[in-house]
């Protein structure tokens, strides 16, 4: 496997995007991602390469505008400024589904943590902005800039949705971004491939696992 040389650790952050029970087989009625509960070890491993560890999770209210119904099936459009399509009820704040998967730190043990989608008419995907127009920042980008971070290693759930959106936001903000495939999972092979092509087209680096990472000795 080709190796990827990282800068000095003080310039690196790792980011766990929405690594929650809601996106695993432990919550089959929410939005289960195949093998989504198996990424904690690799997320912890990639954090060892970083000086800063950031996390995010959905913390949705009941009765969000995106919730599916008999009239509004999954992925049907929503006529709202900051909600695009309907999804099953998931990651309701305070429930088991909203909790991080077993093996990860608690939110307060991260250096910075984002709770997103807390309003019934806001359903963002990336963790850098609260709104779909990407005007209302969550502070992640500013925090990383203040810490002089240049490189972010990213994993989480799901690859083609919240991970992809977060990665694109970070890249647009000027960070060197690395997606660790062993630390993420996706829902559909076709949409995963499309997401990977989009990310690679923007210069985002893709690795199979942390075994490809090499720390700079300069």
N, C-alpha and C. Protein backbone atom coordinates (compact mmCIF):
# COMPACT_ATOMS: atom_id res chain seq x y z
N UNK A 1 0.84 -1.20 0.00
CA UNK A 1 0.00 0.00 0.00
C UNK A 1 0.87 1.25 0.00
N UNK A 2 0.53 2.26 -0.80
CA UNK A 2 1.30 3.50 -0.78
C UNK A 2 1.16 4.19 0.55
N UNK A 3 2.24 4.83 0.98
CA UNK A 3 2.23 5.50 2.27
C UNK A 3 1.94 6.98 2.11
N UNK A 4 1.38 7.58 3.15
CA UNK A 4 1.08 9.00 3.16
C UNK A 4 1.84 9.64 4.30
N UNK A 5 2.72 10.56 3.97
CA UNK A 5 3.54 11.23 4.99
C UNK A 5 2.76 12.41 5.58
N UNK A 6 2.61 12.40 6.88
CA UNK A 6 1.89 13.45 7.58
C UNK A 6 2.86 14.53 8.07
N UNK A 7 2.34 15.73 8.31
CA UNK A 7 3.18 16.77 8.93
C UNK A 7 3.39 16.47 10.40
N UNK A 8 4.08 17.36 11.09
CA UNK A 8 4.26 17.23 12.53
C UNK A 8 2.90 17.08 13.22
N UNK A 9 2.85 16.26 14.25
CA UNK A 9 1.60 15.95 14.93
C UNK A 9 0.86 17.18 15.42
N UNK A 10 1.58 18.23 15.76
CA UNK A 10 0.93 19.43 16.30
C UNK A 10 0.04 20.13 15.28
N UNK A 11 0.17 19.77 14.00
CA UNK A 11 -0.64 20.37 12.95
C UNK A 11 -1.80 19.47 12.49
N UNK A 12 -2.00 18.35 13.20
CA UNK A 12 -2.98 17.35 12.76
C UNK A 12 -4.14 17.26 13.74
N UNK A 13 -5.35 17.15 13.19
CA UNK A 13 -6.55 16.85 13.97
C UNK A 13 -7.19 15.59 13.41
N UNK A 14 -7.86 14.85 14.26
CA UNK A 14 -8.71 13.74 13.80
C UNK A 14 -10.16 14.11 14.10
N UNK A 15 -11.05 13.64 13.25
CA UNK A 15 -12.46 14.02 13.36
C UNK A 15 -13.35 12.80 13.25
N UNK A 16 -14.17 12.57 14.27
CA UNK A 16 -15.15 11.48 14.29
C UNK A 16 -16.51 12.06 13.95
N UNK A 17 -17.00 11.79 12.75
CA UNK A 17 -18.26 12.37 12.29
C UNK A 17 -19.43 11.43 12.60
N UNK A 18 -20.30 11.83 13.49
CA UNK A 18 -21.57 11.14 13.74
C UNK A 18 -21.43 9.64 13.92
N UNK A 19 -20.44 9.22 14.68
CA UNK A 19 -20.23 7.80 14.96
C UNK A 19 -21.17 7.37 16.08
N UNK A 20 -22.44 7.23 15.74
CA UNK A 20 -23.51 7.02 16.72
C UNK A 20 -24.24 5.70 16.51
N UNK A 21 -24.85 5.23 17.58
CA UNK A 21 -25.63 3.98 17.50
C UNK A 21 -26.74 4.05 16.46
N UNK A 22 -27.30 5.23 16.25
CA UNK A 22 -28.39 5.39 15.29
C UNK A 22 -28.01 4.92 13.89
N UNK A 23 -26.73 4.95 13.60
CA UNK A 23 -26.26 4.59 12.27
C UNK A 23 -25.59 3.22 12.26
N UNK A 24 -26.05 2.35 13.15
CA UNK A 24 -25.54 0.99 13.22
C UNK A 24 -26.71 0.01 13.29
N UNK A 25 -26.38 -1.27 13.18
CA UNK A 25 -27.41 -2.32 13.25
C UNK A 25 -28.02 -2.43 14.65
N UNK A 26 -27.44 -1.75 15.63
CA UNK A 26 -28.01 -1.74 16.97
C UNK A 26 -29.31 -0.95 17.02
N UNK A 27 -29.53 -0.12 16.00
CA UNK A 27 -30.78 0.66 15.89
C UNK A 27 -31.39 0.41 14.52
N UNK A 28 -31.95 -0.77 14.30
CA UNK A 28 -32.41 -1.16 12.96
C UNK A 28 -33.56 -0.30 12.43
N UNK A 29 -34.28 0.38 13.29
CA UNK A 29 -35.40 1.21 12.85
C UNK A 29 -34.98 2.65 12.55
N UNK A 30 -33.70 2.94 12.73
CA UNK A 30 -33.23 4.30 12.46
C UNK A 30 -32.55 4.33 11.09
N UNK A 31 -31.26 4.54 11.03
CA UNK A 31 -30.55 4.57 9.74
C UNK A 31 -29.31 3.68 9.82
N UNK A 32 -29.50 2.36 9.95
CA UNK A 32 -28.36 1.47 10.15
C UNK A 32 -27.44 1.40 8.93
N UNK A 33 -26.16 1.58 9.18
CA UNK A 33 -25.12 1.45 8.15
C UNK A 33 -24.43 0.11 8.38
N UNK A 34 -24.30 -0.73 7.35
CA UNK A 34 -23.64 -2.03 7.54
C UNK A 34 -22.28 -1.90 8.20
N UNK A 35 -22.08 -2.64 9.29
CA UNK A 35 -20.82 -2.66 10.05
C UNK A 35 -20.46 -1.30 10.64
N UNK A 36 -21.45 -0.43 10.78
CA UNK A 36 -21.17 0.89 11.35
C UNK A 36 -20.68 0.86 12.78
N UNK A 37 -20.99 -0.21 13.50
CA UNK A 37 -20.56 -0.33 14.89
C UNK A 37 -19.14 -0.84 15.03
N UNK A 38 -18.43 -1.05 13.92
CA UNK A 38 -17.09 -1.65 13.96
C UNK A 38 -15.96 -0.65 13.75
N UNK A 39 -16.26 0.65 13.80
CA UNK A 39 -15.23 1.63 13.42
C UNK A 39 -14.53 2.29 14.61
N UNK A 40 -14.96 2.01 15.83
CA UNK A 40 -14.41 2.71 16.98
C UNK A 40 -12.91 2.51 17.12
N UNK A 41 -12.45 1.28 16.96
CA UNK A 41 -11.02 0.99 17.13
C UNK A 41 -10.17 1.78 16.15
N UNK A 42 -10.61 1.85 14.90
CA UNK A 42 -9.84 2.59 13.90
C UNK A 42 -9.92 4.10 14.13
N UNK A 43 -11.06 4.58 14.59
CA UNK A 43 -11.16 6.00 14.94
C UNK A 43 -10.20 6.34 16.08
N UNK A 44 -10.10 5.47 17.06
CA UNK A 44 -9.16 5.69 18.16
C UNK A 44 -7.72 5.62 17.67
N UNK A 45 -7.47 4.74 16.71
CA UNK A 45 -6.12 4.60 16.17
C UNK A 45 -5.71 5.85 15.41
N UNK A 46 -6.60 6.40 14.60
CA UNK A 46 -6.23 7.59 13.83
C UNK A 46 -6.03 8.79 14.75
N UNK A 47 -6.73 8.81 15.89
CA UNK A 47 -6.57 9.91 16.84
C UNK A 47 -5.17 9.95 17.43
N UNK A 48 -4.50 8.81 17.43
CA UNK A 48 -3.13 8.76 17.97
C UNK A 48 -2.14 9.53 17.10
N UNK A 49 -2.50 9.79 15.85
CA UNK A 49 -1.65 10.56 14.95
C UNK A 49 -1.89 12.06 15.08
N UNK A 50 -2.88 12.45 15.89
CA UNK A 50 -3.33 13.83 15.92
C UNK A 50 -3.08 14.50 17.27
N UNK A 51 -2.95 15.81 17.21
CA UNK A 51 -2.81 16.63 18.42
C UNK A 51 -4.18 17.02 18.97
N UNK A 52 -5.16 17.14 18.09
CA UNK A 52 -6.50 17.56 18.45
C UNK A 52 -7.50 16.50 17.99
N UNK A 53 -8.49 16.20 18.84
CA UNK A 53 -9.55 15.27 18.45
C UNK A 53 -10.91 15.97 18.53
N UNK A 54 -11.62 15.95 17.41
CA UNK A 54 -12.91 16.62 17.29
C UNK A 54 -13.98 15.57 17.00
N UNK A 55 -15.18 15.80 17.49
CA UNK A 55 -16.29 14.88 17.22
C UNK A 55 -17.57 15.62 16.94
N UNK A 56 -18.53 14.89 16.36
CA UNK A 56 -19.85 15.47 16.13
C UNK A 56 -20.89 14.38 16.24
N UNK A 57 -22.12 14.80 16.46
CA UNK A 57 -23.23 13.86 16.38
C UNK A 57 -24.53 14.60 16.12
N UNK A 58 -25.45 13.88 15.47
CA UNK A 58 -26.81 14.37 15.35
C UNK A 58 -27.46 14.36 16.72
N UNK A 59 -28.22 15.40 17.02
CA UNK A 59 -28.98 15.47 18.27
C UNK A 59 -30.36 16.01 17.93
N UNK A 60 -31.14 15.19 17.26
CA UNK A 60 -32.39 15.65 16.68
C UNK A 60 -33.54 15.71 17.70
N UNK A 61 -34.48 16.61 17.47
CA UNK A 61 -35.70 16.62 18.27
C UNK A 61 -36.73 15.65 17.70
N UNK A 62 -37.78 15.42 18.43
CA UNK A 62 -38.90 14.66 17.88
C UNK A 62 -39.62 15.50 16.83
N UNK A 63 -40.19 14.81 15.85
CA UNK A 63 -41.04 15.46 14.85
C UNK A 63 -40.31 16.48 13.99
N UNK A 64 -39.09 16.14 13.59
CA UNK A 64 -38.39 16.98 12.64
C UNK A 64 -39.10 16.98 11.30
N UNK A 65 -38.92 18.03 10.54
CA UNK A 65 -39.59 18.14 9.25
C UNK A 65 -39.20 17.01 8.29
N UNK A 66 -38.08 16.37 8.55
CA UNK A 66 -37.56 15.34 7.65
C UNK A 66 -38.13 13.95 7.93
N UNK A 67 -38.92 13.78 8.97
CA UNK A 67 -39.36 12.44 9.34
C UNK A 67 -40.31 11.86 8.29
N UNK A 68 -40.06 10.60 7.94
CA UNK A 68 -40.88 9.93 6.94
C UNK A 68 -42.30 9.68 7.49
N UNK A 69 -43.21 9.49 6.56
CA UNK A 69 -44.59 9.14 6.90
C UNK A 69 -45.18 8.37 5.73
N UNK A 70 -46.41 7.95 5.85
CA UNK A 70 -47.05 7.24 4.75
C UNK A 70 -47.18 8.12 3.52
N UNK A 71 -47.28 9.43 3.72
CA UNK A 71 -47.38 10.36 2.60
C UNK A 71 -46.02 10.80 2.09
N UNK A 72 -45.00 10.67 2.93
CA UNK A 72 -43.67 11.17 2.57
C UNK A 72 -42.62 10.08 2.81
N UNK A 73 -42.36 9.25 1.80
CA UNK A 73 -41.38 8.16 1.96
C UNK A 73 -39.95 8.68 2.05
N UNK A 74 -39.06 7.79 2.42
CA UNK A 74 -37.64 8.12 2.56
C UNK A 74 -37.08 8.69 1.25
N UNK A 75 -36.34 9.77 1.39
CA UNK A 75 -35.65 10.48 0.31
C UNK A 75 -36.58 11.32 -0.58
N UNK A 76 -37.86 11.36 -0.24
CA UNK A 76 -38.74 12.28 -0.96
C UNK A 76 -38.42 13.71 -0.51
N UNK A 77 -38.59 14.70 -1.38
CA UNK A 77 -38.15 16.06 -1.06
C UNK A 77 -39.00 16.73 0.02
N UNK A 78 -38.34 17.63 0.75
CA UNK A 78 -39.00 18.45 1.77
C UNK A 78 -38.94 19.90 1.30
N UNK A 79 -40.05 20.57 1.36
CA UNK A 79 -40.10 21.97 0.94
C UNK A 79 -39.75 22.87 2.13
N UNK A 80 -38.44 22.95 2.40
CA UNK A 80 -37.95 23.76 3.51
C UNK A 80 -36.55 24.25 3.18
N UNK A 81 -36.18 25.38 3.75
CA UNK A 81 -34.91 26.00 3.42
C UNK A 81 -33.72 25.15 3.85
N UNK A 82 -33.81 24.51 5.01
CA UNK A 82 -32.66 23.80 5.55
C UNK A 82 -32.93 22.32 5.85
N UNK A 83 -33.91 21.77 5.13
CA UNK A 83 -34.17 20.33 5.13
C UNK A 83 -34.40 19.94 3.68
N UNK A 84 -33.64 18.95 3.19
CA UNK A 84 -33.77 18.63 1.77
C UNK A 84 -34.68 17.44 1.48
N UNK A 85 -34.51 16.33 2.24
CA UNK A 85 -35.31 15.13 1.97
C UNK A 85 -35.77 14.50 3.28
N UNK A 86 -36.70 13.56 3.16
CA UNK A 86 -37.22 12.85 4.32
C UNK A 86 -36.31 11.67 4.71
N UNK A 87 -36.16 11.50 6.02
CA UNK A 87 -35.40 10.38 6.58
C UNK A 87 -36.22 9.75 7.71
N UNK A 88 -35.96 8.48 8.02
CA UNK A 88 -36.59 7.89 9.20
C UNK A 88 -36.16 8.65 10.46
N UNK A 89 -36.99 8.60 11.47
CA UNK A 89 -36.63 9.22 12.76
C UNK A 89 -35.33 8.59 13.26
N UNK A 90 -34.37 9.42 13.64
CA UNK A 90 -33.07 8.90 14.07
C UNK A 90 -32.37 9.88 15.00
N UNK A 91 -31.49 9.32 15.83
CA UNK A 91 -30.60 10.09 16.69
C UNK A 91 -31.35 11.15 17.50
N UNK A 92 -32.45 10.77 18.09
CA UNK A 92 -33.20 11.70 18.93
C UNK A 92 -32.39 11.97 20.20
N UNK A 93 -32.23 13.22 20.53
CA UNK A 93 -31.41 13.61 21.68
C UNK A 93 -31.84 12.87 22.95
N UNK A 94 -30.87 12.30 23.65
CA UNK A 94 -31.14 11.60 24.89
C UNK A 94 -31.44 10.13 24.75
N UNK A 95 -31.56 9.62 23.52
CA UNK A 95 -31.87 8.21 23.31
C UNK A 95 -30.59 7.40 23.09
N UNK A 96 -30.75 6.08 23.10
CA UNK A 96 -29.62 5.19 22.82
C UNK A 96 -29.04 5.46 21.43
N UNK A 97 -29.91 5.75 20.48
CA UNK A 97 -29.43 6.01 19.13
C UNK A 97 -28.55 7.23 19.03
N UNK A 98 -28.77 8.21 19.90
CA UNK A 98 -27.96 9.42 19.84
C UNK A 98 -26.57 9.23 20.44
N UNK A 99 -26.38 8.17 21.21
CA UNK A 99 -25.10 7.95 21.89
C UNK A 99 -24.01 7.53 20.90
N UNK A 100 -22.77 7.89 21.21
CA UNK A 100 -21.63 7.44 20.42
C UNK A 100 -21.46 5.94 20.57
N UNK A 101 -20.94 5.31 19.53
CA UNK A 101 -20.78 3.86 19.57
C UNK A 101 -19.77 3.45 20.64
N UNK A 102 -19.96 2.26 21.15
CA UNK A 102 -19.12 1.77 22.25
C UNK A 102 -17.64 1.78 21.86
N UNK A 103 -16.81 2.24 22.77
CA UNK A 103 -15.37 2.28 22.54
C UNK A 103 -14.83 3.66 22.26
N UNK A 104 -15.72 4.62 21.99
CA UNK A 104 -15.28 6.00 21.74
C UNK A 104 -15.31 6.80 23.04
N UNK A 105 -14.57 7.90 23.09
CA UNK A 105 -14.64 8.76 24.27
C UNK A 105 -16.03 9.35 24.44
N UNK A 106 -16.29 9.89 25.60
CA UNK A 106 -17.51 10.66 25.82
C UNK A 106 -17.35 12.03 25.14
N UNK A 107 -18.45 12.67 24.76
CA UNK A 107 -18.32 13.97 24.09
C UNK A 107 -17.45 14.97 24.84
N UNK A 108 -17.55 15.01 26.16
CA UNK A 108 -16.77 15.98 26.91
C UNK A 108 -15.27 15.67 26.95
N UNK A 109 -14.89 14.48 26.48
CA UNK A 109 -13.48 14.11 26.45
C UNK A 109 -12.79 14.51 25.15
N UNK A 110 -13.56 14.99 24.18
CA UNK A 110 -12.98 15.51 22.94
C UNK A 110 -12.47 16.93 23.18
N UNK A 111 -11.61 17.38 22.29
CA UNK A 111 -11.13 18.75 22.38
C UNK A 111 -12.17 19.75 21.89
N UNK A 112 -13.04 19.30 21.00
CA UNK A 112 -14.14 20.13 20.51
C UNK A 112 -15.22 19.18 20.02
N UNK A 113 -16.48 19.54 20.32
CA UNK A 113 -17.57 18.64 19.94
C UNK A 113 -18.76 19.45 19.44
N UNK A 114 -19.43 18.90 18.40
CA UNK A 114 -20.56 19.58 17.78
C UNK A 114 -21.81 18.71 17.89
N UNK A 115 -22.91 19.31 18.36
CA UNK A 115 -24.24 18.70 18.30
C UNK A 115 -24.99 19.42 17.18
N UNK A 116 -25.51 18.68 16.22
CA UNK A 116 -26.12 19.32 15.07
C UNK A 116 -27.52 18.78 14.79
N UNK A 117 -28.29 19.57 14.04
CA UNK A 117 -29.66 19.17 13.73
C UNK A 117 -30.58 19.26 14.92
N UNK A 118 -30.34 20.20 15.82
CA UNK A 118 -31.12 20.27 17.06
C UNK A 118 -32.46 20.96 16.88
N UNK A 119 -32.66 21.64 15.76
CA UNK A 119 -33.93 22.30 15.49
C UNK A 119 -34.74 21.45 14.50
N UNK A 120 -36.06 21.46 14.61
CA UNK A 120 -36.88 20.61 13.73
C UNK A 120 -36.84 21.03 12.26
N UNK A 121 -36.37 22.24 11.98
CA UNK A 121 -36.30 22.70 10.60
C UNK A 121 -34.86 22.88 10.12
N UNK A 122 -33.91 22.25 10.83
CA UNK A 122 -32.50 22.27 10.42
C UNK A 122 -31.99 20.84 10.36
N UNK A 123 -31.58 20.38 9.19
CA UNK A 123 -31.03 19.03 9.06
C UNK A 123 -29.75 19.09 8.22
N UNK A 124 -28.66 19.56 8.84
CA UNK A 124 -27.39 19.61 8.12
C UNK A 124 -26.76 18.23 8.02
N UNK A 125 -25.80 18.08 7.14
CA UNK A 125 -25.04 16.85 7.01
C UNK A 125 -23.61 17.04 7.52
N UNK A 126 -22.89 17.96 6.93
CA UNK A 126 -21.55 18.26 7.42
C UNK A 126 -21.59 18.88 8.80
N UNK A 127 -20.53 18.68 9.56
CA UNK A 127 -20.51 19.18 10.95
C UNK A 127 -19.92 20.57 11.08
N UNK A 128 -19.60 21.22 9.96
CA UNK A 128 -18.98 22.55 10.04
C UNK A 128 -20.00 23.68 9.99
N UNK A 129 -21.24 23.37 9.57
CA UNK A 129 -22.28 24.39 9.48
C UNK A 129 -23.62 23.82 9.95
N UNK A 130 -24.41 24.68 10.56
CA UNK A 130 -25.73 24.27 11.04
C UNK A 130 -26.78 24.27 9.94
N UNK A 131 -26.52 24.99 8.85
CA UNK A 131 -27.51 25.15 7.80
C UNK A 131 -27.00 24.61 6.47
N UNK A 132 -27.91 24.30 5.57
CA UNK A 132 -27.53 23.73 4.28
C UNK A 132 -26.84 24.75 3.38
N UNK A 133 -27.11 26.03 3.59
CA UNK A 133 -26.45 27.06 2.79
C UNK A 133 -25.03 27.35 3.27
N UNK A 134 -24.66 26.75 4.39
CA UNK A 134 -23.31 26.86 4.96
C UNK A 134 -22.94 28.31 5.27
N UNK A 135 -23.86 28.97 5.96
CA UNK A 135 -23.63 30.33 6.41
C UNK A 135 -23.49 30.43 7.93
N UNK A 136 -24.11 29.48 8.66
CA UNK A 136 -24.10 29.51 10.12
C UNK A 136 -23.10 28.47 10.64
N UNK A 137 -21.93 28.93 11.01
CA UNK A 137 -20.86 28.01 11.39
C UNK A 137 -21.09 27.36 12.74
N UNK A 138 -20.61 26.13 12.88
CA UNK A 138 -20.61 25.45 14.18
C UNK A 138 -19.35 25.76 14.98
N UNK A 139 -18.39 26.41 14.34
CA UNK A 139 -17.15 26.77 15.02
C UNK A 139 -16.01 25.80 14.82
N UNK A 140 -16.26 24.67 14.16
CA UNK A 140 -15.20 23.68 13.97
C UNK A 140 -14.04 24.27 13.16
N UNK A 141 -14.36 24.89 12.05
CA UNK A 141 -13.31 25.44 11.19
C UNK A 141 -12.50 26.48 11.94
N UNK A 142 -13.17 27.37 12.63
CA UNK A 142 -12.47 28.43 13.37
C UNK A 142 -11.61 27.86 14.50
N UNK A 143 -12.13 26.83 15.17
CA UNK A 143 -11.36 26.19 16.24
C UNK A 143 -10.07 25.58 15.70
N UNK A 144 -10.18 24.84 14.60
CA UNK A 144 -9.00 24.20 14.02
C UNK A 144 -8.00 25.24 13.52
N UNK A 145 -8.51 26.31 12.94
CA UNK A 145 -7.62 27.38 12.49
C UNK A 145 -6.90 28.02 13.67
N UNK A 146 -7.61 28.24 14.76
CA UNK A 146 -7.01 28.85 15.94
C UNK A 146 -5.92 27.96 16.55
N UNK A 147 -6.08 26.65 16.38
CA UNK A 147 -5.10 25.68 16.88
C UNK A 147 -3.98 25.42 15.87
N UNK A 148 -3.99 26.15 14.74
CA UNK A 148 -2.99 26.04 13.68
C UNK A 148 -2.94 24.65 13.05
N UNK A 149 -4.10 24.00 12.99
CA UNK A 149 -4.21 22.70 12.34
C UNK A 149 -4.20 22.89 10.82
N UNK A 150 -3.45 22.04 10.15
CA UNK A 150 -3.40 22.10 8.68
C UNK A 150 -3.98 20.84 8.03
N UNK A 151 -3.98 19.70 8.77
CA UNK A 151 -4.39 18.41 8.23
C UNK A 151 -5.42 17.76 9.14
N UNK A 152 -6.49 17.25 8.54
CA UNK A 152 -7.54 16.60 9.32
C UNK A 152 -7.77 15.20 8.78
N UNK A 153 -7.69 14.20 9.66
CA UNK A 153 -7.97 12.81 9.32
C UNK A 153 -9.41 12.52 9.73
N UNK A 154 -10.23 12.04 8.79
CA UNK A 154 -11.66 11.96 9.03
C UNK A 154 -12.19 10.53 8.90
N UNK A 155 -13.08 10.16 9.81
CA UNK A 155 -13.85 8.93 9.73
C UNK A 155 -15.23 9.19 10.30
N UNK A 156 -16.09 8.18 10.31
CA UNK A 156 -17.42 8.34 10.88
C UNK A 156 -18.49 7.75 9.98
N UNK A 157 -19.74 8.22 10.18
CA UNK A 157 -20.90 7.64 9.51
C UNK A 157 -21.84 8.74 9.01
N UNK A 158 -22.48 8.52 7.88
CA UNK A 158 -22.13 7.52 6.88
C UNK A 158 -21.24 8.19 5.84
N UNK A 159 -20.45 7.38 5.15
CA UNK A 159 -19.42 7.91 4.26
C UNK A 159 -19.97 8.85 3.20
N UNK A 160 -21.04 8.45 2.53
CA UNK A 160 -21.52 9.22 1.39
C UNK A 160 -22.44 10.37 1.77
N UNK A 161 -22.71 10.53 3.05
CA UNK A 161 -23.60 11.60 3.50
C UNK A 161 -22.85 12.57 4.41
N UNK A 162 -22.89 12.35 5.72
CA UNK A 162 -22.32 13.33 6.65
C UNK A 162 -20.79 13.39 6.57
N UNK A 163 -20.14 12.25 6.33
CA UNK A 163 -18.68 12.27 6.19
C UNK A 163 -18.28 13.05 4.94
N UNK A 164 -18.91 12.73 3.83
CA UNK A 164 -18.59 13.42 2.58
C UNK A 164 -18.80 14.93 2.71
N UNK A 165 -19.96 15.33 3.26
CA UNK A 165 -20.25 16.75 3.40
C UNK A 165 -19.23 17.45 4.28
N UNK A 166 -18.86 16.81 5.39
CA UNK A 166 -17.87 17.40 6.29
C UNK A 166 -16.52 17.54 5.61
N UNK A 167 -16.12 16.51 4.91
CA UNK A 167 -14.82 16.52 4.22
C UNK A 167 -14.76 17.64 3.18
N UNK A 168 -15.84 17.82 2.43
CA UNK A 168 -15.87 18.87 1.43
C UNK A 168 -15.82 20.25 2.09
N UNK A 169 -16.50 20.41 3.21
CA UNK A 169 -16.46 21.68 3.93
C UNK A 169 -15.05 22.00 4.42
N UNK A 170 -14.38 21.01 4.97
CA UNK A 170 -13.01 21.22 5.45
C UNK A 170 -12.06 21.54 4.31
N UNK A 171 -12.21 20.83 3.21
CA UNK A 171 -11.37 21.08 2.05
C UNK A 171 -11.60 22.49 1.51
N UNK A 172 -12.85 22.91 1.44
CA UNK A 172 -13.16 24.25 0.97
C UNK A 172 -12.59 25.33 1.88
N UNK A 173 -12.40 24.97 3.15
CA UNK A 173 -11.84 25.92 4.11
C UNK A 173 -10.31 25.95 4.07
N UNK A 174 -9.71 25.08 3.24
CA UNK A 174 -8.26 25.13 3.06
C UNK A 174 -7.46 24.08 3.80
N UNK A 175 -8.12 23.16 4.46
CA UNK A 175 -7.40 22.10 5.17
C UNK A 175 -7.01 20.97 4.20
N UNK A 176 -5.89 20.34 4.49
CA UNK A 176 -5.54 19.09 3.84
C UNK A 176 -6.35 17.99 4.53
N UNK A 177 -7.14 17.26 3.77
CA UNK A 177 -8.06 16.30 4.38
C UNK A 177 -7.71 14.88 3.94
N UNK A 178 -7.73 13.97 4.91
CA UNK A 178 -7.47 12.55 4.67
C UNK A 178 -8.69 11.76 5.14
N UNK A 179 -9.27 10.97 4.25
CA UNK A 179 -10.40 10.10 4.62
C UNK A 179 -9.86 8.70 4.86
N UNK A 180 -10.13 8.17 6.04
CA UNK A 180 -9.66 6.85 6.44
C UNK A 180 -10.79 5.84 6.25
N UNK A 181 -10.70 5.03 5.21
CA UNK A 181 -11.79 4.11 4.87
C UNK A 181 -12.05 3.07 5.96
N UNK A 182 -11.04 2.70 6.71
CA UNK A 182 -11.24 1.73 7.79
C UNK A 182 -12.01 2.31 8.95
N UNK A 183 -12.10 3.64 9.00
CA UNK A 183 -12.78 4.33 10.10
C UNK A 183 -14.15 4.87 9.68
N UNK A 184 -14.66 4.40 8.55
CA UNK A 184 -15.96 4.84 8.08
C UNK A 184 -16.66 3.69 7.37
N UNK A 185 -17.96 3.82 7.21
CA UNK A 185 -18.75 2.86 6.46
C UNK A 185 -19.83 3.64 5.70
N UNK A 186 -20.34 3.03 4.62
CA UNK A 186 -21.37 3.67 3.83
C UNK A 186 -22.58 2.78 3.65
N UNK A 187 -23.62 3.36 3.06
CA UNK A 187 -24.89 2.66 2.90
C UNK A 187 -24.98 1.88 1.60
N UNK A 188 -24.44 2.43 0.52
CA UNK A 188 -24.68 1.86 -0.80
C UNK A 188 -23.40 1.93 -1.63
N UNK A 189 -22.97 0.81 -2.23
CA UNK A 189 -21.71 0.81 -2.99
C UNK A 189 -21.65 1.86 -4.09
N UNK A 190 -22.75 2.06 -4.80
CA UNK A 190 -22.74 3.04 -5.89
C UNK A 190 -22.57 4.46 -5.37
N UNK A 191 -23.31 4.81 -4.33
CA UNK A 191 -23.20 6.16 -3.79
C UNK A 191 -21.86 6.37 -3.08
N UNK A 192 -21.31 5.31 -2.52
CA UNK A 192 -19.98 5.39 -1.91
C UNK A 192 -18.95 5.73 -2.99
N UNK A 193 -19.00 5.03 -4.11
CA UNK A 193 -18.04 5.28 -5.19
C UNK A 193 -18.18 6.70 -5.74
N UNK A 194 -19.39 7.17 -5.85
CA UNK A 194 -19.61 8.54 -6.32
C UNK A 194 -19.02 9.55 -5.36
N UNK A 195 -19.21 9.30 -4.06
CA UNK A 195 -18.66 10.20 -3.04
C UNK A 195 -17.14 10.21 -3.08
N UNK A 196 -16.54 9.04 -3.22
CA UNK A 196 -15.08 8.95 -3.27
C UNK A 196 -14.53 9.68 -4.49
N UNK A 197 -15.19 9.54 -5.63
CA UNK A 197 -14.75 10.24 -6.83
C UNK A 197 -14.84 11.75 -6.65
N UNK A 198 -15.92 12.21 -6.03
CA UNK A 198 -16.07 13.63 -5.79
C UNK A 198 -14.97 14.15 -4.87
N UNK A 199 -14.68 13.42 -3.81
CA UNK A 199 -13.66 13.84 -2.86
C UNK A 199 -12.27 13.83 -3.51
N UNK A 200 -11.96 12.78 -4.22
CA UNK A 200 -10.66 12.71 -4.89
C UNK A 200 -10.52 13.81 -5.94
N UNK A 201 -11.62 14.16 -6.59
CA UNK A 201 -11.59 15.23 -7.57
C UNK A 201 -11.26 16.58 -6.97
N UNK A 202 -11.47 16.70 -5.67
CA UNK A 202 -11.14 17.95 -4.96
C UNK A 202 -9.78 17.87 -4.29
N UNK A 203 -9.05 16.79 -4.54
CA UNK A 203 -7.71 16.67 -3.98
C UNK A 203 -7.66 16.07 -2.60
N UNK A 204 -8.76 15.53 -2.14
CA UNK A 204 -8.80 14.89 -0.83
C UNK A 204 -8.15 13.53 -0.91
N UNK A 205 -7.32 13.21 0.06
CA UNK A 205 -6.59 11.95 0.05
C UNK A 205 -7.41 10.84 0.70
N UNK A 206 -7.36 9.67 0.11
CA UNK A 206 -8.09 8.50 0.61
C UNK A 206 -7.09 7.42 1.00
N UNK A 207 -7.20 6.91 2.22
CA UNK A 207 -6.35 5.79 2.65
C UNK A 207 -7.24 4.63 3.07
N UNK A 208 -6.68 3.42 3.01
CA UNK A 208 -7.42 2.23 3.42
C UNK A 208 -7.44 2.07 4.93
N UNK A 209 -6.35 2.48 5.59
CA UNK A 209 -6.28 2.38 7.05
C UNK A 209 -5.09 3.20 7.54
N UNK A 210 -4.96 3.28 8.85
CA UNK A 210 -3.86 4.03 9.46
C UNK A 210 -2.49 3.42 9.15
N UNK A 211 -2.48 2.18 8.69
CA UNK A 211 -1.21 1.54 8.37
C UNK A 211 -0.48 2.27 7.25
N UNK A 212 -1.19 3.07 6.50
CA UNK A 212 -0.57 3.82 5.41
C UNK A 212 0.03 5.14 5.88
N UNK A 213 -0.24 5.54 7.10
CA UNK A 213 0.22 6.83 7.58
C UNK A 213 1.64 6.76 8.12
N UNK A 214 2.43 7.74 7.74
CA UNK A 214 3.82 7.87 8.19
C UNK A 214 3.98 9.26 8.78
N UNK A 215 4.55 9.35 9.97
CA UNK A 215 4.75 10.64 10.62
C UNK A 215 6.04 11.28 10.14
N UNK A 216 5.97 12.56 9.83
CA UNK A 216 7.15 13.29 9.38
C UNK A 216 8.21 13.32 10.47
N UNK A 217 9.46 13.16 10.08
CA UNK A 217 10.58 13.24 11.04
C UNK A 217 11.32 14.56 10.97
N UNK A 218 10.84 15.48 10.13
CA UNK A 218 11.48 16.78 10.00
C UNK A 218 11.22 17.64 11.20
